[in-house]
């Protein structure tokens, strides 16, 4: 007999019934994606941790007050909260986000991969580094869509709602991001080597 894991909605219901363990399971299930998306926007480990904690405090408060009504879409709802908190932070500090990497955090550390040999690992790391550099060179609006689509795994509809633009604008930004990345590779003959 196969045991299926509880859905996000079932975990929320158990949490409301008094099971802190249910919320811990929900947090564990989604913390990597949420933290990663926050970190990619703010580029600061400590700030990302602070915003991450604020996001989950807001989630807990909303659920406890009975205001959570996004049945079946917990991750998208949580991602929207984290995005809004990042935007609020930048509005307060009046500066624009610039996604790049530091030595302390690597997006690819949280992505699961199968076993691979040393050569495959080196090739993959070199490729990831090149892609990261290309993403970092994109204009902010294009970089934002790439992060939300590929790292936060959001649909274009969700990205459009989150960034308050039309779906066509979100799709256009992704298209131009890919065109720009392709041009950078061709024009600069992989300057990222």
C-alpha atoms as a PDB file:
ATOM      1  CA  UNK A   1       0.000   0.000   0.000  1.00  0.00           C
ATOM      2  CA  UNK A   2       1.384   3.375  -1.010  1.00  0.00           C
ATOM      3  CA  UNK A   3       1.109   6.329   1.395  1.00  0.00           C
ATOM      4  CA  UNK A   4       0.598   9.679  -0.311  1.00  0.00           C
ATOM      5  CA  UNK A   5       1.968  12.823   1.335  1.00  0.00           C
ATOM      6  CA  UNK A   6      -0.563  15.331   2.599  1.00  0.00           C
ATOM      7  CA  UNK A   7      -1.386  18.220   0.294  1.00  0.00           C
ATOM      8  CA  UNK A   8      -0.570  21.790   1.302  1.00  0.00           C
ATOM      9  CA  UNK A   9      -4.260  22.396   2.012  1.00  0.00           C
ATOM     10  CA  UNK A  10      -4.448  19.323   4.263  1.00  0.00           C
ATOM     11  CA  UNK A  11      -1.353  20.482   6.150  1.00  0.00           C
ATOM     12  CA  UNK A  12      -2.906  23.933   6.639  1.00  0.00           C
ATOM     13  CA  UNK A  13      -6.095  22.347   7.966  1.00  0.00           C
ATOM     14  CA  UNK A  14      -4.075  20.201  10.392  1.00  0.00           C
ATOM     15  CA  UNK A  15      -2.127  23.279  11.484  1.00  0.00           C
ATOM     16  CA  UNK A  16      -5.369  25.139  12.170  1.00  0.00           C
ATOM     17  CA  UNK A  17      -6.498  22.124  14.197  1.00  0.00           C
ATOM     18  CA  UNK A  18      -3.421  22.544  16.415  1.00  0.00           C
ATOM     19  CA  UNK A  19      -0.646  20.559  14.749  1.00  0.00           C
ATOM     20  CA  UNK A  20       2.545  22.620  14.684  1.00  0.00           C
ATOM     21  CA  UNK A  21       4.230  19.648  13.007  1.00  0.00           C
ATOM     22  CA  UNK A  22       1.932  20.123  10.001  1.00  0.00           C
ATOM     23  CA  UNK A  23       3.162  23.684   9.522  1.00  0.00           C
ATOM     24  CA  UNK A  24       6.759  22.533   9.961  1.00  0.00           C
ATOM     25  CA  UNK A  25       6.200  20.030   7.132  1.00  0.00           C
ATOM     26  CA  UNK A  26       4.693  22.768   4.955  1.00  0.00           C
ATOM     27  CA  UNK A  27       7.662  25.054   5.668  1.00  0.00           C
ATOM     28  CA  UNK A  28      10.189  22.310   4.931  1.00  0.00           C
ATOM     29  CA  UNK A  29       8.427  21.470   1.663  1.00  0.00           C
ATOM     30  CA  UNK A  30       8.662  24.997   0.257  1.00  0.00           C
ATOM     31  CA  UNK A  31      11.457  26.841   2.073  1.00  0.00           C
ATOM     32  CA  UNK A  32      14.138  26.266  -0.580  1.00  0.00           C
ATOM     33  CA  UNK A  33      12.149  27.804  -3.419  1.00  0.00           C
ATOM     34  CA  UNK A  34      10.889  30.713  -1.329  1.00  0.00           C
ATOM     35  CA  UNK A  35      14.278  31.506   0.213  1.00  0.00           C
ATOM     36  CA  UNK A  36      16.031  31.168  -3.138  1.00  0.00           C
ATOM     37  CA  UNK A  37      13.669  33.581  -4.845  1.00  0.00           C
ATOM     38  CA  UNK A  38      14.103  36.108  -2.020  1.00  0.00           C
ATOM     39  CA  UNK A  39      17.871  35.764  -2.107  1.00  0.00           C
ATOM     40  CA  UNK A  40      18.036  36.200  -5.868  1.00  0.00           C
ATOM     41  CA  UNK A  41      16.202  39.508  -5.530  1.00  0.00           C
ATOM     42  CA  UNK A  42      18.060  40.986  -2.550  1.00  0.00           C
ATOM     43  CA  UNK A  43      21.551  39.459  -3.048  1.00  0.00           C
ATOM     44  CA  UNK A  44      22.274  39.549   0.674  1.00  0.00           C
ATOM     45  CA  UNK A  45      22.212  36.422   2.840  1.00  0.00           C
ATOM     46  CA  UNK A  46      21.221  38.151   6.089  1.00  0.00           C
ATOM     47  CA  UNK A  47      18.592  40.349   4.450  1.00  0.00           C
ATOM     48  CA  UNK A  48      17.153  37.314   2.656  1.00  0.00           C
ATOM     49  CA  UNK A  49      16.937  35.458   5.968  1.00  0.00           C
ATOM     50  CA  UNK A  50      15.161  38.435   7.574  1.00  0.00           C
ATOM     51  CA  UNK A  51      12.664  38.750   4.736  1.00  0.00           C
ATOM     52  CA  UNK A  52      12.160  34.966   4.720  1.00  0.00           C
ATOM     53  CA  UNK A  53      11.250  35.070   8.430  1.00  0.00           C
ATOM     54  CA  UNK A  54       8.905  38.017   7.834  1.00  0.00           C
ATOM     55  CA  UNK A  55       7.237  36.101   4.995  1.00  0.00           C
ATOM     56  CA  UNK A  56       6.497  33.143   7.240  1.00  0.00           C
ATOM     57  CA  UNK A  57       5.302  35.348  10.080  1.00  0.00           C
ATOM     58  CA  UNK A  58       2.853  36.939   7.640  1.00  0.00           C
ATOM     59  CA  UNK A  59       1.801  33.497   6.365  1.00  0.00           C
ATOM     60  CA  UNK A  60       1.201  32.227   9.907  1.00  0.00           C
ATOM     61  CA  UNK A  61      -0.779  35.350  10.853  1.00  0.00           C
ATOM     62  CA  UNK A  62      -2.914  35.130   7.718  1.00  0.00           C
ATOM     63  CA  UNK A  63      -3.640  31.432   8.210  1.00  0.00           C
ATOM     64  CA  UNK A  64      -4.440  31.857  11.927  1.00  0.00           C
ATOM     65  CA  UNK A  65      -6.830  34.706  11.177  1.00  0.00           C
ATOM     66  CA  UNK A  66      -8.653  32.452   8.710  1.00  0.00           C
ATOM     67  CA  UNK A  67      -7.850  34.723   5.765  1.00  0.00           C
ATOM     68  CA  UNK A  68      -6.026  32.117   3.677  1.00  0.00           C
ATOM     69  CA  UNK A  69      -8.278  31.156   0.770  1.00  0.00           C
ATOM     70  CA  UNK A  70      -5.864  30.079  -1.971  1.00  0.00           C
ATOM     71  CA  UNK A  71      -6.798  26.422  -1.802  1.00  0.00           C
ATOM     72  CA  UNK A  72      -4.297  24.294  -3.681  1.00  0.00           C
ATOM     73  CA  UNK A  73      -2.002  27.204  -4.503  1.00  0.00           C
ATOM     74  CA  UNK A  74      -0.013  27.705  -1.310  1.00  0.00           C
ATOM     75  CA  UNK A  75       3.396  28.014  -2.992  1.00  0.00           C
ATOM     76  CA  UNK A  76       2.218  30.639  -5.483  1.00  0.00           C
ATOM     77  CA  UNK A  77       0.570  32.571  -2.659  1.00  0.00           C
ATOM     78  CA  UNK A  78       3.725  32.386  -0.522  1.00  0.00           C
ATOM     79  CA  UNK A  79       5.870  33.432  -3.500  1.00  0.00           C
ATOM     80  CA  UNK A  80       3.633  36.448  -4.055  1.00  0.00           C
ATOM     81  CA  UNK A  81       4.045  37.456  -0.401  1.00  0.00           C
ATOM     82  CA  UNK A  82       7.839  37.072  -0.614  1.00  0.00           C
ATOM     83  CA  UNK A  83       7.985  39.044  -3.868  1.00  0.00           C
ATOM     84  CA  UNK A  84       5.869  41.846  -2.396  1.00  0.00           C
ATOM     85  CA  UNK A  85       8.070  42.000   0.700  1.00  0.00           C
ATOM     86  CA  UNK A  86      11.188  42.251  -1.498  1.00  0.00           C
ATOM     87  CA  UNK A  87       9.564  45.036  -3.521  1.00  0.00           C
ATOM     88  CA  UNK A  88       8.591  46.816  -0.300  1.00  0.00           C
ATOM     89  CA  UNK A  89      12.165  46.549   0.923  1.00  0.00           C
ATOM     90  CA  UNK A  90      13.512  48.110  -2.271  1.00  0.00           C
ATOM     91  CA  UNK A  91      10.897  50.820  -2.232  1.00  0.00           C
ATOM     92  CA  UNK A  92      11.923  51.704   1.298  1.00  0.00           C
ATOM     93  CA  UNK A  93      15.610  51.701   0.430  1.00  0.00           C
ATOM     94  CA  UNK A  94      14.900  53.261  -2.995  1.00  0.00           C
ATOM     95  CA  UNK A  95      17.241  51.055  -4.925  1.00  0.00           C
ATOM     96  CA  UNK A  96      16.741  48.523  -7.682  1.00  0.00           C
ATOM     97  CA  UNK A  97      17.505  44.822  -7.283  1.00  0.00           C
ATOM     98  CA  UNK A  98      20.493  43.440  -9.168  1.00  0.00           C
ATOM     99  CA  UNK A  99      20.727  39.683  -9.245  1.00  0.00           C
ATOM    100  CA  UNK A 100      24.159  38.188  -8.983  1.00  0.00           C
ATOM    101  CA  UNK A 101      25.853  35.532  -6.977  1.00  0.00           C
ATOM    102  CA  UNK A 102      28.113  35.575  -3.981  1.00  0.00           C
ATOM    103  CA  UNK A 103      30.343  32.960  -2.464  1.00  0.00           C
ATOM    104  CA  UNK A 104      27.908  32.345   0.402  1.00  0.00           C
ATOM    105  CA  UNK A 105      24.893  31.094  -1.537  1.00  0.00           C
ATOM    106  CA  UNK A 106      24.426  29.214  -4.763  1.00  0.00           C
ATOM    107  CA  UNK A 107      20.999  28.678  -6.318  1.00  0.00           C
ATOM    108  CA  UNK A 108      22.139  25.352  -7.687  1.00  0.00           C
ATOM    109  CA  UNK A 109      22.906  24.027  -4.197  1.00  0.00           C
ATOM    110  CA  UNK A 110      19.177  23.685  -3.544  1.00  0.00           C
ATOM    111  CA  UNK A 111      18.375  22.035  -6.858  1.00  0.00           C
ATOM    112  CA  UNK A 112      18.352  18.255  -6.677  1.00  0.00           C
ATOM    113  CA  UNK A 113      20.448  16.378  -9.171  1.00  0.00           C
ATOM    114  CA  UNK A 114      21.271  12.732  -9.663  1.00  0.00           C
ATOM    115  CA  UNK A 115      24.647  11.143  -9.145  1.00  0.00           C
ATOM    116  CA  UNK A 116      27.288  12.271 -11.588  1.00  0.00           C
ATOM    117  CA  UNK A 117      30.982  11.823 -12.087  1.00  0.00           C
ATOM    118  CA  UNK A 118      33.604  14.532 -11.530  1.00  0.00           C
ATOM    119  CA  UNK A 119      33.818  15.511 -15.209  1.00  0.00           C
ATOM    120  CA  UNK A 120      30.043  15.903 -15.509  1.00  0.00           C
ATOM    121  CA  UNK A 121      30.011  17.914 -12.311  1.00  0.00           C
ATOM    122  CA  UNK A 122      32.740  20.274 -13.567  1.00  0.00           C
ATOM    123  CA  UNK A 123      31.005  20.775 -16.917  1.00  0.00           C
ATOM    124  CA  UNK A 124      27.697  21.446 -15.208  1.00  0.00           C
ATOM    125  CA  UNK A 125      29.264  23.946 -12.800  1.00  0.00           C
ATOM    126  CA  UNK A 126      30.963  25.801 -15.666  1.00  0.00           C
ATOM    127  CA  UNK A 127      27.677  25.930 -17.571  1.00  0.00           C
ATOM    128  CA  UNK A 128      25.751  27.168 -14.524  1.00  0.00           C
ATOM    129  CA  UNK A 129      28.353  29.876 -13.921  1.00  0.00           C
ATOM    130  CA  UNK A 130      28.086  31.065 -17.524  1.00  0.00           C
ATOM    131  CA  UNK A 131      24.288  31.142 -17.386  1.00  0.00           C
ATOM    132  CA  UNK A 132      24.351  33.017 -14.050  1.00  0.00           C
ATOM    133  CA  UNK A 133      26.643  35.640 -15.536  1.00  0.00           C
ATOM    134  CA  UNK A 134      24.384  36.037 -18.553  1.00  0.00           C
ATOM    135  CA  UNK A 135      21.302  36.441 -16.342  1.00  0.00           C
ATOM    136  CA  UNK A 136      23.149  39.034 -14.259  1.00  0.00           C
ATOM    137  CA  UNK A 137      23.838  41.107 -17.396  1.00  0.00           C
ATOM    138  CA  UNK A 138      20.153  41.336 -18.367  1.00  0.00           C
ATOM    139  CA  UNK A 139      18.075  44.494 -17.784  1.00  0.00           C
ATOM    140  CA  UNK A 140      16.222  44.339 -14.422  1.00  0.00           C
ATOM    141  CA  UNK A 141      12.749  43.608 -15.859  1.00  0.00           C
ATOM    142  CA  UNK A 142      14.054  40.735 -17.987  1.00  0.00           C
ATOM    143  CA  UNK A 143      16.199  39.367 -15.156  1.00  0.00           C
ATOM    144  CA  UNK A 144      13.147  39.412 -12.872  1.00  0.00           C
ATOM    145  CA  UNK A 145      11.049  37.314 -15.285  1.00  0.00           C
ATOM    146  CA  UNK A 146      13.868  34.790 -15.803  1.00  0.00           C
ATOM    147  CA  UNK A 147      14.281  34.364 -12.035  1.00  0.00           C
ATOM    148  CA  UNK A 148      10.572  33.987 -11.379  1.00  0.00           C
ATOM    149  CA  UNK A 149      10.058  31.584 -14.286  1.00  0.00           C
ATOM    150  CA  UNK A 150      13.097  29.336 -13.990  1.00  0.00           C
ATOM    151  CA  UNK A 151      14.185  29.583 -10.360  1.00  0.00           C
ATOM    152  CA  UNK A 152      10.829  30.159  -8.650  1.00  0.00           C
ATOM    153  CA  UNK A 153       9.027  27.898 -11.159  1.00  0.00           C
ATOM    154  CA  UNK A 154       6.117  30.295 -11.644  1.00  0.00           C
ATOM    155  CA  UNK A 155       3.795  30.357 -14.649  1.00  0.00           C
ATOM    156  CA  UNK A 156       3.658  33.437 -16.872  1.00  0.00           C
ATOM    157  CA  UNK A 157       0.165  34.149 -15.562  1.00  0.00           C
ATOM    158  CA  UNK A 158       1.500  34.131 -11.982  1.00  0.00           C
ATOM    159  CA  UNK A 159       4.476  36.295 -12.986  1.00  0.00           C
ATOM    160  CA  UNK A 160       2.133  38.782 -14.674  1.00  0.00           C
ATOM    161  CA  UNK A 161      -0.049  39.001 -11.566  1.00  0.00           C
ATOM    162  CA  UNK A 162       2.930  39.276  -9.259  1.00  0.00           C
ATOM    163  CA  UNK A 163       4.721  41.986 -11.222  1.00  0.00           C
ATOM    164  CA  UNK A 164       1.461  43.735 -12.155  1.00  0.00           C
ATOM    165  CA  UNK A 165       1.977  43.566 -15.920  1.00  0.00           C
ATOM    166  CA  UNK A 166       0.040  41.797 -18.659  1.00  0.00           C
ATOM    167  CA  UNK A 167       0.842  38.203 -19.586  1.00  0.00           C
ATOM    168  CA  UNK A 168       2.018  39.460 -22.983  1.00  0.00           C
ATOM    169  CA  UNK A 169       4.456  41.834 -21.275  1.00  0.00           C
ATOM    170  CA  UNK A 170       5.812  39.007 -19.108  1.00  0.00           C
ATOM    171  CA  UNK A 171       6.150  36.756 -22.167  1.00  0.00           C
ATOM    172  CA  UNK A 172       7.802  39.575 -24.114  1.00  0.00           C
ATOM    173  CA  UNK A 173      10.318  40.195 -21.346  1.00  0.00           C
ATOM    174  CA  UNK A 174      11.222  36.504 -21.317  1.00  0.00           C
ATOM    175  CA  UNK A 175      11.542  36.480 -25.103  1.00  0.00           C
ATOM    176  CA  UNK A 176      13.814  39.536 -25.054  1.00  0.00           C
ATOM    177  CA  UNK A 177      15.823  38.041 -22.187  1.00  0.00           C
ATOM    178  CA  UNK A 178      16.480  34.910 -24.250  1.00  0.00           C
ATOM    179  CA  UNK A 179      17.302  36.978 -27.342  1.00  0.00           C
ATOM    180  CA  UNK A 180      19.676  39.155 -25.310  1.00  0.00           C
ATOM    181  CA  UNK A 181      21.374  36.144 -23.747  1.00  0.00           C
ATOM    182  CA  UNK A 182      21.815  34.556 -27.183  1.00  0.00           C
ATOM    183  CA  UNK A 183      23.270  37.820 -28.557  1.00  0.00           C
ATOM    184  CA  UNK A 184      25.668  38.102 -25.633  1.00  0.00           C
ATOM    185  CA  UNK A 185      26.918  34.593 -26.292  1.00  0.00           C
ATOM    186  CA  UNK A 186      27.320  35.192 -30.035  1.00  0.00           C
ATOM    187  CA  UNK A 187      28.701  38.765 -29.930  1.00  0.00           C
ATOM    188  CA  UNK A 188      31.111  38.300 -27.102  1.00  0.00           C
ATOM    189  CA  UNK A 189      32.128  34.823 -28.180  1.00  0.00           C
ATOM    190  CA  UNK A 190      31.416  33.579 -24.690  1.00  0.00           C
ATOM    191  CA  UNK A 191      33.228  36.346 -22.819  1.00  0.00           C
ATOM    192  CA  UNK A 192      32.223  34.424 -19.747  1.00  0.00           C
ATOM    193  CA  UNK A 193      34.992  31.854 -20.129  1.00  0.00           C
END
